[in-house]
Protein backbone atom coordinates (compact mmCIF):
# COMPACT_ATOMS: atom_id res chain seq x y z
CA UNK A 1 0.81 16.68 -69.47
CA UNK A 2 4.12 16.71 -67.57
CA UNK A 3 2.89 19.11 -64.88
CA UNK A 4 0.02 16.94 -63.60
CA UNK A 5 2.26 13.90 -63.52
CA UNK A 6 4.82 15.79 -61.40
CA UNK A 7 2.15 16.85 -58.93
CA UNK A 8 0.98 13.25 -58.55
CA UNK A 9 4.54 12.04 -57.88
CA UNK A 10 5.14 14.70 -55.22
CA UNK A 11 1.85 13.88 -53.50
CA UNK A 12 2.78 10.19 -53.38
CA UNK A 13 6.17 10.98 -51.82
CA UNK A 14 4.61 13.17 -49.10
CA UNK A 15 2.02 10.48 -48.26
CA UNK A 16 4.72 7.79 -48.08
CA UNK A 17 6.88 9.90 -45.76
CA UNK A 18 3.93 10.48 -43.41
CA UNK A 19 3.20 6.74 -43.22
CA UNK A 20 6.85 5.97 -42.42
CA UNK A 21 6.93 8.64 -39.68
CA UNK A 22 3.67 7.41 -38.17
CA UNK A 23 4.96 3.83 -38.21
CA UNK A 24 8.12 4.83 -36.31
CA UNK A 25 6.06 6.54 -33.61
CA UNK A 26 3.94 3.43 -33.00
CA UNK A 27 6.80 0.89 -32.70
CA UNK A 28 6.87 -0.74 -29.20
CA UNK A 29 10.65 -0.32 -28.94
CA UNK A 30 10.34 3.43 -29.35
CA UNK A 31 8.59 3.76 -25.96
CA UNK A 32 11.49 2.01 -24.24
CA UNK A 33 14.32 3.73 -26.02
CA UNK A 34 12.80 7.18 -26.02
CA UNK A 35 10.79 6.79 -22.82
CA UNK A 36 13.10 8.42 -20.28
CA UNK A 37 10.30 8.18 -17.72
CA UNK A 38 11.08 4.46 -17.37
CA UNK A 39 14.87 4.62 -17.17
CA UNK A 40 17.16 5.65 -14.31
CA UNK A 41 20.93 6.00 -14.11
CA UNK A 42 22.97 4.26 -11.44
CA UNK A 43 24.57 7.05 -9.40
CA UNK A 44 26.76 7.41 -6.33
CA UNK A 45 25.14 8.99 -3.28
CA UNK A 46 25.02 8.81 0.51
CA UNK A 47 22.15 6.67 1.79
CA UNK A 48 20.63 6.95 5.25
CA UNK A 49 18.28 4.16 6.30
CA UNK A 50 15.98 4.51 9.30
CA UNK A 51 12.69 3.33 10.75
CA UNK A 52 9.95 5.26 12.54
CA UNK A 53 8.44 3.62 15.62
CA UNK A 54 5.68 4.85 17.87
CA UNK A 55 6.52 4.95 21.59
CA UNK A 56 5.19 6.15 24.93
CA UNK A 57 6.91 8.52 27.35
CA UNK A 58 7.47 7.15 30.86
CA UNK A 59 9.58 8.33 33.81
CA UNK A 60 13.02 6.75 34.05
CA UNK A 61 12.35 6.18 37.76
CA UNK A 62 9.01 5.93 39.54
CA UNK A 63 7.60 4.07 42.52
CA UNK A 64 4.30 3.38 44.20
CA UNK A 65 3.89 4.60 47.78
CA UNK A 66 1.97 2.17 49.99
CA UNK A 67 1.21 2.31 53.73
CA UNK A 68 2.89 -0.09 56.14
CA UNK A 69 -0.12 0.04 58.47
CA UNK A 70 -3.83 -0.04 57.69
CA UNK A 71 -6.49 2.38 58.79
CA UNK A 72 -8.61 5.34 57.77
CA UNK A 73 -6.91 8.18 55.89
CA UNK A 74 -6.88 11.17 58.20
CA UNK A 75 -5.36 13.71 55.79
CA UNK A 76 -3.71 13.97 52.37
CA UNK A 77 -0.94 16.56 52.33
CA UNK A 78 -0.09 16.50 48.60
CA UNK A 79 -1.92 16.52 45.28
CA UNK A 80 -0.97 15.21 41.80
CA UNK A 81 1.54 17.46 40.07
CA UNK A 82 3.12 18.62 43.31
CA UNK A 83 6.90 18.36 43.71
CA UNK A 84 8.08 16.69 46.93
CA UNK A 85 11.40 16.13 48.65
CA UNK A 86 12.55 13.01 50.42
CA UNK A 87 11.09 12.96 53.94
CA UNK A 88 8.14 15.27 53.18
CA UNK A 89 4.84 14.28 54.83
CA UNK A 90 2.49 12.79 52.24
CA UNK A 91 -0.36 11.17 54.15
CA UNK A 92 -1.58 10.78 57.72
CA UNK A 93 -3.49 7.69 58.83
CA UNK A 94 -5.91 7.83 61.78
CA UNK A 95 -3.91 6.76 64.86
CA UNK A 96 -6.63 6.72 67.57
CA UNK A 97 -6.78 2.92 67.83
CA UNK A 98 -3.00 2.75 68.09
CA UNK A 99 -2.93 5.41 70.80
CA UNK A 100 -5.38 3.27 72.78
CA UNK A 101 -3.05 0.28 72.29
CA UNK A 102 -0.17 2.41 73.52
CA UNK A 103 -2.02 3.36 76.70
CA UNK A 104 -2.77 -0.32 77.27
CA UNK A 105 0.88 -1.23 76.73
CA UNK A 106 2.02 1.44 79.19
CA UNK A 107 -0.40 0.12 81.82
CA UNK A 108 0.85 -3.39 81.18
CA UNK A 109 4.44 -2.23 81.70
CA UNK A 110 3.58 -0.58 85.03
CA UNK A 111 1.93 -3.79 86.23
CA UNK A 112 4.89 -5.87 85.07
CA UNK A 113 7.27 -3.58 86.94
CA UNK A 114 5.29 -3.89 90.18
CA UNK A 115 5.12 -7.65 89.85
CA UNK A 116 8.83 -7.86 89.13
CA UNK A 117 9.70 -5.69 92.17
CA UNK A 118 7.68 -7.97 94.42
CA UNK A 119 9.23 -11.20 93.11
CA UNK A 120 12.66 -9.60 93.21
CA UNK A 121 12.36 -8.95 96.95
CA UNK A 122 11.14 -12.51 97.53
CA UNK A 123 14.01 -13.88 95.46
CA UNK A 124 16.65 -11.83 97.30
CA UNK A 125 15.25 -12.88 100.73
CA UNK A 126 15.15 -16.53 99.67
CA UNK A 127 18.72 -16.33 98.39
CA UNK A 128 19.93 -15.12 101.80
CA UNK A 129 17.92 -17.78 103.63
CA UNK A 130 19.11 -20.49 101.24
CA UNK A 131 22.71 -19.42 101.85
CA UNK A 132 22.06 -19.88 105.58
CA UNK A 133 20.34 -23.19 104.79
CA UNK A 134 17.11 -21.92 106.35
CA UNK A 135 14.94 -22.75 103.27
CA UNK A 136 14.94 -25.77 101.04
CA UNK A 137 16.36 -25.93 97.54
CA UNK A 138 12.87 -26.37 96.14
CA UNK A 139 11.56 -23.16 97.72
CA UNK A 140 14.58 -21.20 96.46
CA UNK A 141 14.21 -22.60 92.91
CA UNK A 142 10.50 -21.73 92.79
CA UNK A 143 11.11 -18.11 93.87
CA UNK A 144 13.97 -17.81 91.35
CA UNK A 145 11.72 -19.04 88.53
CA UNK A 146 8.94 -16.66 89.57
CA UNK A 147 11.35 -13.73 89.50
CA UNK A 148 12.62 -14.67 86.02
CA UNK A 149 9.04 -15.00 84.72
CA UNK A 150 8.16 -11.50 85.90
CA UNK A 151 11.35 -10.19 84.29
CA UNK A 152 10.33 -11.76 80.98
CA UNK A 153 6.84 -10.30 81.39
CA UNK A 154 8.28 -6.83 81.71
CA UNK A 155 10.48 -7.29 78.62
CA UNK A 156 7.47 -8.55 76.66
CA UNK A 157 5.37 -5.53 77.69
CA UNK A 158 8.19 -3.16 76.72
CA UNK A 159 8.55 -4.80 73.28
CA UNK A 160 4.81 -4.51 72.77
CA UNK A 161 5.05 -0.78 73.48
CA UNK A 162 7.93 -0.50 71.00
CA UNK A 163 5.87 -2.20 68.28
CA UNK A 164 2.97 0.14 68.92
CA UNK A 165 5.31 3.15 68.75
CA UNK A 166 6.72 1.87 65.45
CA UNK A 167 3.23 1.51 64.01
CA UNK A 168 2.33 4.98 65.24
CA UNK A 169 5.32 6.42 63.40
CA UNK A 170 4.18 4.64 60.23
CA UNK A 171 0.80 6.39 60.33
CA UNK A 172 2.71 9.37 58.95
CA UNK A 173 3.72 8.33 55.43
CA UNK A 174 6.82 10.20 54.26
CA UNK A 175 8.15 10.60 50.73
CA UNK A 176 10.85 7.99 50.05
CA UNK A 177 12.46 10.10 47.32
CA UNK A 178 12.56 13.45 45.55
CA UNK A 179 10.11 13.68 42.69
CA UNK A 180 6.71 14.69 41.36
CA UNK A 181 3.40 13.18 42.46
CA UNK A 182 1.88 11.64 39.33
CA UNK A 183 -1.25 10.04 40.80
CA UNK A 184 -3.04 9.88 44.15
CA UNK A 185 -5.92 7.40 43.72
CA UNK A 186 -7.20 7.71 47.32
CA UNK A 187 -9.41 10.18 49.18
CA UNK A 188 -9.56 11.41 52.74
CA UNK A 189 -11.61 9.07 54.92
CA UNK A 190 -10.87 6.00 52.81
CA UNK A 191 -9.78 2.86 54.65
CA UNK A 192 -6.45 1.60 53.31
CA UNK A 193 -4.66 -1.73 53.74
CA UNK A 194 -1.06 -1.94 54.84
CA UNK A 195 1.39 -3.68 52.50
CA UNK A 196 2.52 -7.04 53.85
CA UNK A 197 3.76 -10.37 52.62
CA UNK A 198 0.18 -11.69 52.26
CA UNK A 199 -1.16 -8.74 50.23
CA UNK A 200 0.06 -5.91 48.06
CA UNK A 201 -1.58 -3.15 50.07
CA UNK A 202 -3.33 0.02 48.91
CA UNK A 203 -1.46 2.35 46.56
CA UNK A 204 -1.56 5.84 48.06
CA UNK A 205 0.23 7.60 45.21
CA UNK A 206 2.84 7.28 42.49
CA UNK A 207 5.94 9.45 42.64
CA UNK A 208 8.35 9.85 39.74
CA UNK A 209 11.62 11.62 39.06
CA UNK A 210 10.94 13.54 35.85
CA UNK A 211 14.51 14.78 35.37
CA UNK A 212 15.04 11.79 33.06
CA UNK A 213 12.46 10.24 30.76
CA UNK A 214 12.23 6.93 28.94
CA UNK A 215 10.53 6.10 25.66
CA UNK A 216 9.02 2.61 25.69
CA UNK A 217 9.22 0.97 22.25
CA UNK A 218 8.25 -2.36 20.71
CA UNK A 219 10.66 -3.27 17.88
CA UNK A 220 10.02 -6.09 15.42
CA UNK A 221 12.37 -9.05 15.17
CA UNK A 222 14.03 -7.94 11.93
CA UNK A 223 14.94 -4.42 13.07
CA UNK A 224 16.04 -5.54 16.56
CA UNK A 225 19.17 -7.11 15.05
CA UNK A 226 20.20 -3.68 13.76
CA UNK A 227 19.99 -1.96 17.15
CA UNK A 228 22.75 -1.49 19.69
CA UNK A 229 23.01 0.10 23.12
CA UNK A 230 23.80 3.84 23.14
CA UNK A 231 22.64 4.28 19.52
CA UNK A 232 21.35 7.84 19.15
CA UNK A 233 17.74 8.24 18.00
CA UNK A 234 15.57 11.28 17.26
CA UNK A 235 12.21 11.97 18.89
CA UNK A 236 9.32 13.84 17.28
CA UNK A 237 6.09 14.84 19.00
CA UNK A 238 3.26 17.29 18.51
CA UNK A 239 4.33 19.02 21.72
CA UNK A 240 7.78 19.68 20.22
CA UNK A 241 6.26 21.09 17.02
CA UNK A 242 8.98 21.10 14.34
CA UNK A 243 11.83 20.30 16.73
CA UNK A 244 13.44 16.92 17.35
CA UNK A 245 15.07 15.71 20.53
CA UNK A 246 17.94 13.26 20.90
CA UNK A 247 17.81 10.12 23.05
CA UNK A 248 19.90 6.96 23.15
CA UNK A 249 19.03 3.28 23.37
CA UNK A 250 19.43 2.31 27.03
CA UNK A 251 17.81 -1.15 27.10
CA UNK A 252 17.08 -3.97 24.66
CA UNK A 253 15.09 -6.87 26.06
CA UNK A 254 16.85 -10.25 25.81
CA UNK A 255 13.60 -12.09 25.08
CA UNK A 256 10.76 -11.41 22.65
CA UNK A 257 7.25 -10.51 23.81
CA UNK A 258 3.93 -10.14 22.00
CA UNK A 259 2.19 -6.78 21.86
CA UNK A 260 -0.96 -6.13 19.82
CA UNK A 261 -0.54 -9.62 18.29
CA UNK A 262 2.94 -8.69 17.01
CA UNK A 263 6.02 -10.44 18.37
CA UNK A 264 8.97 -8.16 19.02
CA UNK A 265 11.37 -6.83 21.62
CA UNK A 266 10.91 -4.20 24.31
CA UNK A 267 13.35 -1.34 23.81
CA UNK A 268 13.86 1.75 25.97
CA UNK A 269 15.33 5.04 24.75
CA UNK A 270 16.57 7.40 27.46
CA UNK A 271 16.23 11.19 27.32
CA UNK A 272 19.05 12.38 29.55
CA UNK A 273 17.74 15.93 29.91
CA UNK A 274 13.98 16.04 30.11
CA UNK A 275 12.00 18.66 28.20
CA UNK A 276 9.07 20.21 30.12
CA UNK A 277 6.99 19.87 26.96
CA UNK A 278 7.23 16.08 27.21
CA UNK A 279 5.14 14.41 29.91
CA UNK A 280 4.61 10.77 30.93
CA UNK A 281 1.86 9.11 28.90
CA UNK A 282 2.53 11.09 25.71
CA UNK A 283 2.85 9.25 22.41
CA UNK A 284 5.90 10.16 20.34
CA UNK A 285 7.53 9.01 17.11
CA UNK A 286 11.09 7.75 17.35
CA UNK A 287 13.32 7.74 14.27
CA UNK A 288 15.95 5.00 14.59
CA UNK A 289 18.86 4.99 12.11
CA UNK A 290 19.61 1.42 11.06
CA UNK A 291 22.07 1.86 8.20
CA UNK A 292 24.42 4.30 6.46
CA UNK A 293 26.38 4.11 3.24
CA UNK A 294 28.64 6.83 1.84
CA UNK A 295 29.39 7.37 -1.86
CA UNK A 296 27.50 4.19 -2.70
CA UNK A 297 26.42 3.09 -6.18
CA UNK A 298 22.63 3.18 -5.98
CA UNK A 299 19.47 2.81 -8.00
CA UNK A 300 15.84 3.64 -7.20
CA UNK A 301 14.21 0.93 -5.11
CA UNK A 302 11.56 0.60 -7.83
CA UNK A 303 14.28 -0.66 -10.20
CA UNK A 304 15.02 -3.72 -8.05
CA UNK A 305 12.86 -6.77 -8.75
CA UNK A 306 12.50 -10.17 -7.14
CA UNK A 307 14.27 -12.98 -8.94
CA UNK A 308 14.34 -16.70 -8.26
CA UNK A 309 14.25 -17.60 -4.58
CA UNK A 310 15.35 -14.60 -2.53
CA UNK A 311 17.56 -13.18 -5.25
CA UNK A 312 17.24 -9.58 -6.46
CA UNK A 313 17.65 -8.51 -10.07
CA UNK A 314 17.78 -5.34 -12.14
CA UNK A 315 17.42 -4.78 -15.89
CA UNK A 316 20.38 -2.93 -17.41
CA UNK A 317 19.77 -1.22 -20.74
CA UNK A 318 22.59 -0.90 -23.26
CA UNK A 319 21.50 0.59 -26.57
CA UNK A 320 18.53 -1.45 -27.79
CA UNK A 321 19.50 -4.50 -25.66
CA UNK A 322 18.32 -5.21 -22.09
CA UNK A 323 20.31 -7.45 -19.72
CA UNK A 324 18.90 -9.07 -16.60
CA UNK A 325 21.48 -9.03 -13.79
CA UNK A 326 21.51 -10.46 -10.30
CA UNK A 327 22.58 -7.86 -7.73
CA UNK A 328 23.47 -7.75 -4.05
CA UNK A 329 21.63 -5.08 -2.06
CA UNK A 330 23.14 -3.11 0.82
CA UNK A 331 21.58 -0.19 2.70
CA UNK A 332 18.13 0.88 1.51
CA UNK A 333 15.64 3.61 2.31
CA UNK A 334 12.27 4.51 0.84
CA UNK A 335 13.90 5.98 -2.28
CA UNK A 336 17.18 4.26 -3.11
CA UNK A 337 18.98 0.95 -2.70
CA UNK A 338 22.74 0.50 -2.45
CA UNK A 339 24.10 -1.92 -5.08
CA UNK A 340 27.07 -3.80 -3.68
CA UNK A 341 27.78 -5.65 -6.93
CA UNK A 342 26.17 -6.22 -10.32
CA UNK A 343 25.81 -2.61 -11.52
CA UNK A 344 28.34 0.10 -12.28
CA UNK A 345 27.96 3.83 -11.92
CA UNK A 346 26.45 5.47 -15.01
CA UNK A 347 24.63 2.39 -16.33
CA UNK A 348 21.01 2.79 -17.38
CA UNK A 349 18.48 0.80 -15.36
CA UNK A 350 14.87 0.05 -16.28
CA UNK A 351 12.26 1.08 -13.71
CA UNK A 352 9.72 -1.32 -15.22
CA UNK A 353 10.27 -4.92 -16.24
CA UNK A 354 10.74 -5.41 -20.00
CA UNK A 355 7.49 -6.05 -21.81
CA UNK A 356 5.53 -4.02 -19.25
CA UNK A 357 6.60 -0.59 -20.52
CA UNK A 358 3.42 1.19 -21.62
CA UNK A 359 3.17 2.27 -25.25
CA UNK A 360 3.05 5.95 -26.08
CA UNK A 361 -0.04 7.06 -27.96
């Protein structure tokens, strides 16, 4: 009789122990205390914060070449992609009409010279006769005026010839600078318009100096405050493969503009030594460092929650207790946030707000 009773007692003890163990595993607190997946430790580390911005490559210096005289294009001497030196012949404009004007001006000069020689002789004769009081003052004055008019006529004809010669010289368009021809949106035989104060003229070609390149950027209002001139940035592009190239901030616009419905600031990054793999018009990614903190107490960014107003809070775990603390954030990146005050190194921080920790099954 004693043996069956002993077996029953042992069975009851085993069943009770199993129920207690199962109950401990299903307590909500157990998921928090034993759930290391939801707890991080505040640690010291160096934090680098940066932003990636898309930009477009442009030449640091480029200009549009326009004719100073209009006419039909006689010949194009360069093509896009060609390197030119200052003074090289780029384009010739048909000069036949101007040559006709020059012939007319030369004929006009010859006539003015003949007329002036005739009036000069009359003036000199009248001057002698007037000195001898053999002609009246009126006759002498009239011959003097006639001589001066013919002199002015000759000067006018000579100036006309000079203007025609100047225009003839301008039918040969020369390169104003050293560089590379980027575009030439005209064809031989096309009639072009000379640039003047009343119109912009026809663009013959665009020439750029590709020894230095700019990256045109549009930076939002928040990040603009973190930029400064000469800040070094890194450039990535498909053409560079796995390499990066350094540039520095050379210009920050003083006034905001809107691009693609986003208000921001125009920023230019200068590449001092151009890479032949980078060409104007390419799209690149520019990494701009905006913050750095060394040996900083930090927590994962997922451990920082929004408190009242614009305050930031974390939940510090100590044993079974959880304390909500307001913290001041410093430099952040996509992984970690610097804690300026409110948390000490080594403290345990919840990654999920209390009450939202999932239960373990």
